[in-house]
């Protein structure tokens, strides 16, 4: 007879953090009334492409 299996237990919950949550760094550009936000982790090539497109359109 196979041994009984136990159900996997849920991971322990993390305590809630107090105070203001830290927000990831981002680059915000405002060119010609258009605001663009480039989130943290974007590659340098992506950042350069966005800036180039904004320059070409202004």
C-alpha atoms as a PDB file:
ATOM      1  CA  UNK A   1       0.000   0.000   0.000  1.00  0.00           C
ATOM      2  CA  UNK A   2       1.476   3.450  -0.944  1.00  0.00           C
ATOM      3  CA  UNK A   3       2.370   5.852   1.840  1.00  0.00           C
ATOM      4  CA  UNK A   4      -0.077   8.748   2.327  1.00  0.00           C
ATOM      5  CA  UNK A   5       1.091  12.036   0.821  1.00  0.00           C
ATOM      6  CA  UNK A   6       0.767  15.313   2.617  1.00  0.00           C
ATOM      7  CA  UNK A   7      -0.568  18.398   0.867  1.00  0.00           C
ATOM      8  CA  UNK A   8       2.103  21.055   0.207  1.00  0.00           C
ATOM      9  CA  UNK A   9       1.915  23.826   2.756  1.00  0.00           C
ATOM     10  CA  UNK A  10       1.406  27.420   1.669  1.00  0.00           C
ATOM     11  CA  UNK A  11       4.504  29.652   1.845  1.00  0.00           C
ATOM     12  CA  UNK A  12       4.590  31.897   4.909  1.00  0.00           C
ATOM     13  CA  UNK A  13       3.051  35.301   4.284  1.00  0.00           C
ATOM     14  CA  UNK A  14       5.302  38.338   4.407  1.00  0.00           C
ATOM     15  CA  UNK A  15       4.557  40.998   7.003  1.00  0.00           C
ATOM     16  CA  UNK A  16       3.129  44.216   5.586  1.00  0.00           C
ATOM     17  CA  UNK A  17       5.627  47.038   5.249  1.00  0.00           C
ATOM     18  CA  UNK A  18       4.861  50.279   6.986  1.00  0.00           C
ATOM     19  CA  UNK A  19       5.338  53.684   5.480  1.00  0.00           C
ATOM     20  CA  UNK A  20       5.798  54.750   1.910  1.00  0.00           C
ATOM     21  CA  UNK A  21       6.666  52.074  -0.617  1.00  0.00           C
ATOM     22  CA  UNK A  22       9.805  52.628  -2.640  1.00  0.00           C
ATOM     23  CA  UNK A  23       9.124  53.124  -6.325  1.00  0.00           C
ATOM     24  CA  UNK A  24      11.500  51.904  -9.022  1.00  0.00           C
ATOM     25  CA  UNK A  25      13.551  54.576 -10.768  1.00  0.00           C
ATOM     26  CA  UNK A  26      12.272  55.800 -14.125  1.00  0.00           C
ATOM     27  CA  UNK A  27      13.136  58.419 -16.739  1.00  0.00           C
ATOM     28  CA  UNK A  28      10.399  60.939 -17.522  1.00  0.00           C
ATOM     29  CA  UNK A  29      10.641  63.173 -20.596  1.00  0.00           C
ATOM     30  CA  UNK A  30       8.256  65.980 -21.530  1.00  0.00           C
ATOM     31  CA  UNK A  31       8.812  67.159 -25.112  1.00  0.00           C
ATOM     32  CA  UNK A  32       6.336  69.313 -27.002  1.00  0.00           C
ATOM     33  CA  UNK A  33       3.510  68.520 -24.577  1.00  0.00           C
ATOM     34  CA  UNK A  34       4.064  64.753 -24.801  1.00  0.00           C
ATOM     35  CA  UNK A  35       5.133  63.004 -21.600  1.00  0.00           C
ATOM     36  CA  UNK A  36       6.985  59.705 -21.940  1.00  0.00           C
ATOM     37  CA  UNK A  37       8.036  57.502 -19.027  1.00  0.00           C
ATOM     38  CA  UNK A  38      10.770  54.918 -19.549  1.00  0.00           C
ATOM     39  CA  UNK A  39      10.630  52.356 -16.755  1.00  0.00           C
ATOM     40  CA  UNK A  40      13.573  51.034 -14.783  1.00  0.00           C
ATOM     41  CA  UNK A  41      15.402  48.223 -16.556  1.00  0.00           C
ATOM     42  CA  UNK A  42      15.046  49.572 -20.108  1.00  0.00           C
ATOM     43  CA  UNK A  43      18.120  48.933 -22.241  1.00  0.00           C
ATOM     44  CA  UNK A  44      20.334  51.844 -23.326  1.00  0.00           C
ATOM     45  CA  UNK A  45      19.357  51.087 -26.951  1.00  0.00           C
ATOM     46  CA  UNK A  46      15.651  51.457 -26.093  1.00  0.00           C
ATOM     47  CA  UNK A  47      16.263  54.736 -24.262  1.00  0.00           C
ATOM     48  CA  UNK A  48      18.269  56.094 -27.229  1.00  0.00           C
ATOM     49  CA  UNK A  49      15.525  55.023 -29.681  1.00  0.00           C
ATOM     50  CA  UNK A  50      12.802  56.774 -27.648  1.00  0.00           C
ATOM     51  CA  UNK A  51      14.837  59.993 -27.362  1.00  0.00           C
ATOM     52  CA  UNK A  52      15.654  59.862 -31.098  1.00  0.00           C
ATOM     53  CA  UNK A  53      11.966  59.443 -31.987  1.00  0.00           C
ATOM     54  CA  UNK A  54      11.004  62.379 -29.754  1.00  0.00           C
ATOM     55  CA  UNK A  55      13.683  64.592 -31.347  1.00  0.00           C
ATOM     56  CA  UNK A  56      12.552  63.640 -34.864  1.00  0.00           C
ATOM     57  CA  UNK A  57       8.926  64.464 -34.047  1.00  0.00           C
ATOM     58  CA  UNK A  58       9.574  67.877 -32.506  1.00  0.00           C
END
